[in-house]
């Protein structure tokens, strides 16, 4: 897959010194997409088709709801509901048919558990769950993040200044580091691949070790005997730890 290489957003994300650069890019994309969904695109046919088909995950429902555009949100959800009703009705009918088959099975099958009938019921439940598990915004965000991860790898491969900036950073979160290592396997080779893995290991070890000390001191500050000791870098260590281990989720919003 080929991507248009736009290095400026990635460089800008690495220059900010408060959050994982990829988390910062993701957050910016997410806010833009949420605003766009309830802006002019709410009535665009292409957008409505995608909304009707995919809908939104719980997290993005909350973000859309917080925009306080009840009419736009309701219009999208109404047509999405109509689409889901058409998909779900036969699935629930399949579940009822499977349950009935279990109940009416011959005695011999009942005694052995009637695995075929119960598996049919489980299959129906899985299809019902899948019908309401997609998210238009999650897909859009991931498509953009694939492009940014590819751009980051391109910069590491071609720009020595970026390699230095990457090696000296300590904000990359663990899930994004894993994604980059996986991508490196496809796009880097030889000494450069070894260097990337070494730089990633070193920056993660440096940042995780520092967080351990900061978070421990944060907890110790709750002891009255440490009340007069300076906070140092321990303030915000709880938020930084959660965001480091699981991507940005709490605390001050990242800005680029």
C-alpha atoms as a PDB file:
ATOM      1  CA  UNK A   1       0.000   0.000   0.000  1.00  0.00           C
ATOM      2  CA  UNK A   2       1.361   3.419  -0.967  1.00  0.00           C
ATOM      3  CA  UNK A   3       0.815   6.532   1.126  1.00  0.00           C
ATOM      4  CA  UNK A   4       1.303  10.199   0.459  1.00  0.00           C
ATOM      5  CA  UNK A   5       4.278  11.166   2.598  1.00  0.00           C
ATOM      6  CA  UNK A   6       3.533  14.225   4.756  1.00  0.00           C
ATOM      7  CA  UNK A   7       6.344  14.489   7.280  1.00  0.00           C
ATOM      8  CA  UNK A   8       5.376  17.796   8.928  1.00  0.00           C
ATOM      9  CA  UNK A   9       2.658  16.423  11.280  1.00  0.00           C
ATOM     10  CA  UNK A  10       4.964  13.637  12.473  1.00  0.00           C
ATOM     11  CA  UNK A  11       7.841  16.054  13.103  1.00  0.00           C
ATOM     12  CA  UNK A  12       5.484  18.436  14.916  1.00  0.00           C
ATOM     13  CA  UNK A  13       4.213  15.585  17.088  1.00  0.00           C
ATOM     14  CA  UNK A  14       7.762  14.687  18.119  1.00  0.00           C
ATOM     15  CA  UNK A  15       8.553  18.311  18.950  1.00  0.00           C
ATOM     16  CA  UNK A  16       5.779  18.530  21.549  1.00  0.00           C
ATOM     17  CA  UNK A  17       7.082  17.212  24.839  1.00  0.00           C
ATOM     18  CA  UNK A  18       4.035  16.118  26.816  1.00  0.00           C
ATOM     19  CA  UNK A  19       2.526  12.997  25.198  1.00  0.00           C
ATOM     20  CA  UNK A  20       3.348  10.083  22.945  1.00  0.00           C
ATOM     21  CA  UNK A  21       3.646  11.623  19.454  1.00  0.00           C
ATOM     22  CA  UNK A  22       1.438   9.002  17.836  1.00  0.00           C
ATOM     23  CA  UNK A  23      -1.163   9.372  20.599  1.00  0.00           C
ATOM     24  CA  UNK A  24      -1.132  13.126  19.973  1.00  0.00           C
ATOM     25  CA  UNK A  25      -1.704  12.603  16.250  1.00  0.00           C
ATOM     26  CA  UNK A  26      -4.502  10.117  16.955  1.00  0.00           C
ATOM     27  CA  UNK A  27      -6.212  12.505  19.361  1.00  0.00           C
ATOM     28  CA  UNK A  28      -6.091  15.318  16.815  1.00  0.00           C
ATOM     29  CA  UNK A  29      -7.545  13.096  14.098  1.00  0.00           C
ATOM     30  CA  UNK A  30     -10.278  11.884  16.440  1.00  0.00           C
ATOM     31  CA  UNK A  31     -11.417  15.387  17.388  1.00  0.00           C
ATOM     32  CA  UNK A  32     -11.396  16.464  13.740  1.00  0.00           C
ATOM     33  CA  UNK A  33     -13.421  13.430  12.645  1.00  0.00           C
ATOM     34  CA  UNK A  34     -15.986  13.844  15.431  1.00  0.00           C
ATOM     35  CA  UNK A  35     -16.465  17.490  14.519  1.00  0.00           C
ATOM     36  CA  UNK A  36     -16.728  16.615  10.822  1.00  0.00           C
ATOM     37  CA  UNK A  37     -19.360  13.925  11.438  1.00  0.00           C
ATOM     38  CA  UNK A  38     -21.695  16.420  13.079  1.00  0.00           C
ATOM     39  CA  UNK A  39     -20.798  19.268  10.744  1.00  0.00           C
ATOM     40  CA  UNK A  40     -21.686  19.642   7.083  1.00  0.00           C
ATOM     41  CA  UNK A  41     -21.037  15.978   6.330  1.00  0.00           C
ATOM     42  CA  UNK A  42     -24.011  14.901   8.472  1.00  0.00           C
ATOM     43  CA  UNK A  43     -26.239  15.259   5.402  1.00  0.00           C
ATOM     44  CA  UNK A  44     -23.746  14.060   2.774  1.00  0.00           C
ATOM     45  CA  UNK A  45     -25.010  10.851   1.123  1.00  0.00           C
ATOM     46  CA  UNK A  46     -21.630   9.081   1.225  1.00  0.00           C
ATOM     47  CA  UNK A  47     -21.200   9.800   4.925  1.00  0.00           C
ATOM     48  CA  UNK A  48     -24.734   8.694   5.753  1.00  0.00           C
ATOM     49  CA  UNK A  49     -24.238   5.420   3.869  1.00  0.00           C
ATOM     50  CA  UNK A  50     -21.109   4.696   5.900  1.00  0.00           C
ATOM     51  CA  UNK A  51     -22.792   5.703   9.175  1.00  0.00           C
ATOM     52  CA  UNK A  52     -25.801   3.534   8.370  1.00  0.00           C
ATOM     53  CA  UNK A  53     -23.573   0.554   7.725  1.00  0.00           C
ATOM     54  CA  UNK A  54     -20.971   0.904  10.496  1.00  0.00           C
ATOM     55  CA  UNK A  55     -22.355   3.166  13.221  1.00  0.00           C
ATOM     56  CA  UNK A  56     -20.154   4.225  16.150  1.00  0.00           C
ATOM     57  CA  UNK A  57     -18.507   2.479  19.095  1.00  0.00           C
ATOM     58  CA  UNK A  58     -19.460   3.493  22.684  1.00  0.00           C
ATOM     59  CA  UNK A  59     -16.463   5.831  23.035  1.00  0.00           C
ATOM     60  CA  UNK A  60     -17.316   7.730  19.872  1.00  0.00           C
ATOM     61  CA  UNK A  61     -20.993   7.845  20.753  1.00  0.00           C
ATOM     62  CA  UNK A  62     -19.946   9.699  23.921  1.00  0.00           C
ATOM     63  CA  UNK A  63     -17.750  12.136  21.982  1.00  0.00           C
ATOM     64  CA  UNK A  64     -20.516  12.788  19.453  1.00  0.00           C
ATOM     65  CA  UNK A  65     -23.064  13.262  22.255  1.00  0.00           C
ATOM     66  CA  UNK A  66     -20.762  15.738  23.994  1.00  0.00           C
ATOM     67  CA  UNK A  67     -20.826  17.926  20.881  1.00  0.00           C
ATOM     68  CA  UNK A  68     -24.401  18.815  21.894  1.00  0.00           C
ATOM     69  CA  UNK A  69     -25.730  18.609  18.344  1.00  0.00           C
ATOM     70  CA  UNK A  70     -28.721  16.485  19.278  1.00  0.00           C
ATOM     71  CA  UNK A  71     -30.504  16.888  15.937  1.00  0.00           C
ATOM     72  CA  UNK A  72     -27.502  15.911  13.817  1.00  0.00           C
ATOM     73  CA  UNK A  73     -26.721  12.998  16.119  1.00  0.00           C
ATOM     74  CA  UNK A  74     -30.336  11.828  16.106  1.00  0.00           C
ATOM     75  CA  UNK A  75     -30.605  12.040  12.297  1.00  0.00           C
ATOM     76  CA  UNK A  76     -27.556   9.815  11.896  1.00  0.00           C
ATOM     77  CA  UNK A  77     -28.703   7.366  14.550  1.00  0.00           C
ATOM     78  CA  UNK A  78     -32.214   7.122  13.104  1.00  0.00           C
ATOM     79  CA  UNK A  79     -31.065   5.899   9.696  1.00  0.00           C
ATOM     80  CA  UNK A  80     -28.435   3.689  11.365  1.00  0.00           C
ATOM     81  CA  UNK A  81     -31.204   2.205  13.518  1.00  0.00           C
ATOM     82  CA  UNK A  82     -33.310   1.461  10.420  1.00  0.00           C
ATOM     83  CA  UNK A  83     -30.347  -0.278   8.781  1.00  0.00           C
ATOM     84  CA  UNK A  84     -29.617  -2.297  11.928  1.00  0.00           C
ATOM     85  CA  UNK A  85     -33.238  -3.292  12.349  1.00  0.00           C
ATOM     86  CA  UNK A  86     -33.167  -4.885   8.899  1.00  0.00           C
ATOM     87  CA  UNK A  87     -29.953  -6.779   9.744  1.00  0.00           C
ATOM     88  CA  UNK A  88     -30.899  -7.789  13.269  1.00  0.00           C
ATOM     89  CA  UNK A  89     -34.427  -9.079  12.690  1.00  0.00           C
ATOM     90  CA  UNK A  90     -33.378 -12.198  10.750  1.00  0.00           C
ATOM     91  CA  UNK A  91     -30.506 -12.816  13.174  1.00  0.00           C
ATOM     92  CA  UNK A  92     -32.807 -12.831  16.177  1.00  0.00           C
ATOM     93  CA  UNK A  93     -35.165 -15.058  14.188  1.00  0.00           C
ATOM     94  CA  UNK A  94     -32.256 -17.450  13.625  1.00  0.00           C
ATOM     95  CA  UNK A  95     -31.562 -17.425  17.374  1.00  0.00           C
ATOM     96  CA  UNK A  96     -35.197 -18.242  18.127  1.00  0.00           C
ATOM     97  CA  UNK A  97     -35.177 -21.030  15.533  1.00  0.00           C
ATOM     98  CA  UNK A  98     -31.984 -22.493  17.011  1.00  0.00           C
ATOM     99  CA  UNK A  99     -33.432 -22.376  20.534  1.00  0.00           C
ATOM    100  CA  UNK A 100     -36.601 -24.059  19.328  1.00  0.00           C
ATOM    101  CA  UNK A 101     -34.497 -26.731  17.648  1.00  0.00           C
ATOM    102  CA  UNK A 102     -32.734 -27.375  20.936  1.00  0.00           C
ATOM    103  CA  UNK A 103     -36.021 -27.712  22.792  1.00  0.00           C
ATOM    104  CA  UNK A 104     -37.589 -30.030  20.199  1.00  0.00           C
ATOM    105  CA  UNK A 105     -34.536 -32.236  19.667  1.00  0.00           C
ATOM    106  CA  UNK A 106     -34.946 -35.993  20.104  1.00  0.00           C
ATOM    107  CA  UNK A 107     -34.326 -37.291  23.613  1.00  0.00           C
ATOM    108  CA  UNK A 108     -31.014 -38.846  22.601  1.00  0.00           C
ATOM    109  CA  UNK A 109     -29.644 -35.493  21.409  1.00  0.00           C
ATOM    110  CA  UNK A 110     -30.939 -33.742  24.534  1.00  0.00           C
ATOM    111  CA  UNK A 111     -29.128 -36.229  26.720  1.00  0.00           C
ATOM    112  CA  UNK A 112     -25.864 -35.638  24.832  1.00  0.00           C
ATOM    113  CA  UNK A 113     -26.277 -31.865  24.924  1.00  0.00           C
ATOM    114  CA  UNK A 114     -27.563 -31.296  21.344  1.00  0.00           C
ATOM    115  CA  UNK A 115     -24.325 -29.620  20.320  1.00  0.00           C
ATOM    116  CA  UNK A 116     -25.521 -28.745  16.794  1.00  0.00           C
ATOM    117  CA  UNK A 117     -28.514 -26.790  18.053  1.00  0.00           C
ATOM    118  CA  UNK A 118     -26.575 -24.986  20.759  1.00  0.00           C
ATOM    119  CA  UNK A 119     -23.773 -24.158  18.333  1.00  0.00           C
ATOM    120  CA  UNK A 120     -26.357 -22.653  15.984  1.00  0.00           C
ATOM    121  CA  UNK A 121     -27.590 -20.481  18.845  1.00  0.00           C
ATOM    122  CA  UNK A 122     -24.036 -19.417  19.667  1.00  0.00           C
ATOM    123  CA  UNK A 123     -23.445 -18.596  15.984  1.00  0.00           C
ATOM    124  CA  UNK A 124     -26.553 -16.435  15.915  1.00  0.00           C
ATOM    125  CA  UNK A 125     -25.381 -14.597  19.041  1.00  0.00           C
ATOM    126  CA  UNK A 126     -21.963 -14.002  17.471  1.00  0.00           C
ATOM    127  CA  UNK A 127     -23.523 -12.564  14.296  1.00  0.00           C
ATOM    128  CA  UNK A 128     -25.756 -10.288  16.366  1.00  0.00           C
ATOM    129  CA  UNK A 129     -22.723  -9.053  18.313  1.00  0.00           C
ATOM    130  CA  UNK A 130     -20.759  -8.455  15.100  1.00  0.00           C
ATOM    131  CA  UNK A 131     -23.607  -6.413  13.624  1.00  0.00           C
ATOM    132  CA  UNK A 132     -23.203  -3.776  16.348  1.00  0.00           C
ATOM    133  CA  UNK A 133     -19.423  -3.899  16.802  1.00  0.00           C
ATOM    134  CA  UNK A 134     -18.231  -1.733  13.902  1.00  0.00           C
ATOM    135  CA  UNK A 135     -17.362   1.982  14.077  1.00  0.00           C
ATOM    136  CA  UNK A 136     -16.954   4.447  11.228  1.00  0.00           C
ATOM    137  CA  UNK A 137     -14.700   6.720  13.283  1.00  0.00           C
ATOM    138  CA  UNK A 138     -12.459   3.911  14.532  1.00  0.00           C
ATOM    139  CA  UNK A 139     -11.897   2.789  10.940  1.00  0.00           C
ATOM    140  CA  UNK A 140     -11.208   6.335   9.729  1.00  0.00           C
ATOM    141  CA  UNK A 141      -8.776   7.024  12.578  1.00  0.00           C
ATOM    142  CA  UNK A 142      -6.906   3.751  12.036  1.00  0.00           C
ATOM    143  CA  UNK A 143      -6.590   4.456   8.306  1.00  0.00           C
ATOM    144  CA  UNK A 144      -4.959   7.802   9.097  1.00  0.00           C
ATOM    145  CA  UNK A 145      -2.745   6.282  11.775  1.00  0.00           C
ATOM    146  CA  UNK A 146      -1.477   3.668   9.330  1.00  0.00           C
ATOM    147  CA  UNK A 147      -0.364   6.533   7.121  1.00  0.00           C
ATOM    148  CA  UNK A 148       1.378   8.326   9.997  1.00  0.00           C
ATOM    149  CA  UNK A 149       3.140   5.170  11.171  1.00  0.00           C
ATOM    150  CA  UNK A 150       4.335   4.586   7.623  1.00  0.00           C
ATOM    151  CA  UNK A 151       5.551   8.195   7.430  1.00  0.00           C
ATOM    152  CA  UNK A 152       7.413   7.803  10.721  1.00  0.00           C
ATOM    153  CA  UNK A 153       9.142   4.693   9.381  1.00  0.00           C
ATOM    154  CA  UNK A 154      10.010   6.541   6.166  1.00  0.00           C
ATOM    155  CA  UNK A 155      11.549   9.382   8.195  1.00  0.00           C
ATOM    156  CA  UNK A 156      13.567   6.974  10.312  1.00  0.00           C
ATOM    157  CA  UNK A 157      14.824   5.267   7.167  1.00  0.00           C
ATOM    158  CA  UNK A 158      15.777   8.433   5.260  1.00  0.00           C
ATOM    159  CA  UNK A 159      16.444  11.246   7.767  1.00  0.00           C
ATOM    160  CA  UNK A 160      19.352  11.011  10.219  1.00  0.00           C
ATOM    161  CA  UNK A 161      18.043  14.006  12.197  1.00  0.00           C
ATOM    162  CA  UNK A 162      14.780  12.179  12.764  1.00  0.00           C
ATOM    163  CA  UNK A 163      16.618   9.037  13.857  1.00  0.00           C
ATOM    164  CA  UNK A 164      18.354  11.136  16.499  1.00  0.00           C
ATOM    165  CA  UNK A 165      15.059  12.721  17.618  1.00  0.00           C
ATOM    166  CA  UNK A 166      13.434   9.294  17.844  1.00  0.00           C
ATOM    167  CA  UNK A 167      16.300   7.820  19.868  1.00  0.00           C
ATOM    168  CA  UNK A 168      16.283  10.750  22.311  1.00  0.00           C
ATOM    169  CA  UNK A 169      12.520  10.748  22.874  1.00  0.00           C
ATOM    170  CA  UNK A 170      10.933   9.034  25.864  1.00  0.00           C
ATOM    171  CA  UNK A 171       7.214   9.602  25.320  1.00  0.00           C
ATOM    172  CA  UNK A 172       6.308   6.738  22.995  1.00  0.00           C
ATOM    173  CA  UNK A 173       3.597   4.537  24.525  1.00  0.00           C
ATOM    174  CA  UNK A 174       3.928   0.757  24.677  1.00  0.00           C
ATOM    175  CA  UNK A 175       1.143  -0.131  22.171  1.00  0.00           C
ATOM    176  CA  UNK A 176       2.510   2.334  19.596  1.00  0.00           C
ATOM    177  CA  UNK A 177       6.021   0.988  20.125  1.00  0.00           C
ATOM    178  CA  UNK A 178       4.710  -2.511  19.371  1.00  0.00           C
ATOM    179  CA  UNK A 179       2.984  -1.276  16.192  1.00  0.00           C
ATOM    180  CA  UNK A 180       6.192   0.400  15.022  1.00  0.00           C
ATOM    181  CA  UNK A 181       8.308  -2.683  15.678  1.00  0.00           C
ATOM    182  CA  UNK A 182       5.862  -4.729  13.628  1.00  0.00           C
ATOM    183  CA  UNK A 183       6.022  -2.179  10.808  1.00  0.00           C
ATOM    184  CA  UNK A 184       9.817  -2.086  10.985  1.00  0.00           C
ATOM    185  CA  UNK A 185       9.888  -5.802  10.190  1.00  0.00           C
ATOM    186  CA  UNK A 186       8.332  -4.983   6.806  1.00  0.00           C
ATOM    187  CA  UNK A 187      10.132  -1.738   5.945  1.00  0.00           C
ATOM    188  CA  UNK A 188      13.607  -1.880   7.483  1.00  0.00           C
ATOM    189  CA  UNK A 189      16.416  -4.373   7.134  1.00  0.00           C
ATOM    190  CA  UNK A 190      19.989  -5.057   8.150  1.00  0.00           C
ATOM    191  CA  UNK A 191      21.773  -2.623  10.436  1.00  0.00           C
ATOM    192  CA  UNK A 192      18.941  -0.087  10.240  1.00  0.00           C
ATOM    193  CA  UNK A 193      16.437  -2.625  11.540  1.00  0.00           C
ATOM    194  CA  UNK A 194      18.777  -3.506  14.405  1.00  0.00           C
ATOM    195  CA  UNK A 195      19.286   0.187  15.184  1.00  0.00           C
ATOM    196  CA  UNK A 196      15.542   0.842  15.249  1.00  0.00           C
ATOM    197  CA  UNK A 197      14.902  -2.058  17.622  1.00  0.00           C
ATOM    198  CA  UNK A 198      17.821  -0.935  19.812  1.00  0.00           C
ATOM    199  CA  UNK A 199      16.604   2.693  19.894  1.00  0.00           C
ATOM    200  CA  UNK A 200      13.062   1.560  20.724  1.00  0.00           C
ATOM    201  CA  UNK A 201      14.239  -0.752  23.500  1.00  0.00           C
ATOM    202  CA  UNK A 202      16.459   1.958  24.985  1.00  0.00           C
ATOM    203  CA  UNK A 203      13.836   4.716  24.975  1.00  0.00           C
ATOM    204  CA  UNK A 204      11.206   2.415  26.435  1.00  0.00           C
ATOM    205  CA  UNK A 205      13.526   1.179  29.182  1.00  0.00           C
ATOM    206  CA  UNK A 206      14.556   4.756  30.001  1.00  0.00           C
ATOM    207  CA  UNK A 207      10.999   6.040  30.177  1.00  0.00           C
ATOM    208  CA  UNK A 208       9.542   3.069  32.071  1.00  0.00           C
ATOM    209  CA  UNK A 209      12.309   3.203  34.672  1.00  0.00           C
ATOM    210  CA  UNK A 210      11.753   6.927  35.199  1.00  0.00           C
ATOM    211  CA  UNK A 211       8.003   6.425  35.534  1.00  0.00           C
ATOM    212  CA  UNK A 212       8.552   3.774  38.205  1.00  0.00           C
ATOM    213  CA  UNK A 213      10.504   6.239  40.321  1.00  0.00           C
ATOM    214  CA  UNK A 214       8.123   9.145  39.689  1.00  0.00           C
ATOM    215  CA  UNK A 215       5.013   7.108  40.494  1.00  0.00           C
ATOM    216  CA  UNK A 216       6.541   5.632  43.644  1.00  0.00           C
ATOM    217  CA  UNK A 217       7.416   9.125  44.898  1.00  0.00           C
ATOM    218  CA  UNK A 218       3.895  10.301  44.006  1.00  0.00           C
ATOM    219  CA  UNK A 219       2.488   7.664  46.379  1.00  0.00           C
ATOM    220  CA  UNK A 220       5.029   8.562  49.078  1.00  0.00           C
ATOM    221  CA  UNK A 221       3.955  12.212  48.977  1.00  0.00           C
ATOM    222  CA  UNK A 222       0.684  11.141  50.612  1.00  0.00           C
ATOM    223  CA  UNK A 223       2.685  10.355  53.768  1.00  0.00           C
ATOM    224  CA  UNK A 224       2.657  13.479  55.947  1.00  0.00           C
ATOM    225  CA  UNK A 225       6.380  13.017  56.593  1.00  0.00           C
ATOM    226  CA  UNK A 226       7.044  13.804  52.929  1.00  0.00           C
ATOM    227  CA  UNK A 227       4.684  16.770  52.701  1.00  0.00           C
ATOM    228  CA  UNK A 228       7.498  19.327  52.481  1.00  0.00           C
ATOM    229  CA  UNK A 229       9.543  17.447  49.881  1.00  0.00           C
ATOM    230  CA  UNK A 230       9.412  18.886  46.337  1.00  0.00           C
ATOM    231  CA  UNK A 231       7.238  17.012  43.869  1.00  0.00           C
ATOM    232  CA  UNK A 232       9.883  16.945  41.159  1.00  0.00           C
ATOM    233  CA  UNK A 233       8.532  15.095  38.119  1.00  0.00           C
ATOM    234  CA  UNK A 234       6.117  12.974  40.135  1.00  0.00           C
ATOM    235  CA  UNK A 235       3.109  15.220  39.540  1.00  0.00           C
ATOM    236  CA  UNK A 236       1.132  13.751  36.684  1.00  0.00           C
ATOM    237  CA  UNK A 237       2.974  10.422  36.933  1.00  0.00           C
ATOM    238  CA  UNK A 238      -0.304   8.533  37.445  1.00  0.00           C
ATOM    239  CA  UNK A 239      -1.702   9.894  34.185  1.00  0.00           C
ATOM    240  CA  UNK A 240       1.593   9.390  32.361  1.00  0.00           C
ATOM    241  CA  UNK A 241       1.782   5.764  33.517  1.00  0.00           C
ATOM    242  CA  UNK A 242      -1.741   4.920  32.356  1.00  0.00           C
ATOM    243  CA  UNK A 243      -1.116   6.620  29.020  1.00  0.00           C
ATOM    244  CA  UNK A 244       2.293   4.982  28.613  1.00  0.00           C
ATOM    245  CA  UNK A 245       0.957   1.465  29.089  1.00  0.00           C
ATOM    246  CA  UNK A 246      -2.358   1.736  27.205  1.00  0.00           C
ATOM    247  CA  UNK A 247      -2.120   4.809  24.890  1.00  0.00           C
ATOM    248  CA  UNK A 248      -3.570   8.213  25.801  1.00  0.00           C
ATOM    249  CA  UNK A 249      -6.725   7.828  27.879  1.00  0.00           C
ATOM    250  CA  UNK A 250      -6.615  10.215  30.874  1.00  0.00           C
ATOM    251  CA  UNK A 251      -5.219  13.568  31.914  1.00  0.00           C
ATOM    252  CA  UNK A 252      -4.373  16.686  29.954  1.00  0.00           C
ATOM    253  CA  UNK A 253      -5.279  16.377  26.288  1.00  0.00           C
ATOM    254  CA  UNK A 254      -2.343  16.214  23.868  1.00  0.00           C
ATOM    255  CA  UNK A 255      -1.925  19.153  21.540  1.00  0.00           C
ATOM    256  CA  UNK A 256       0.165  19.533  18.399  1.00  0.00           C
END
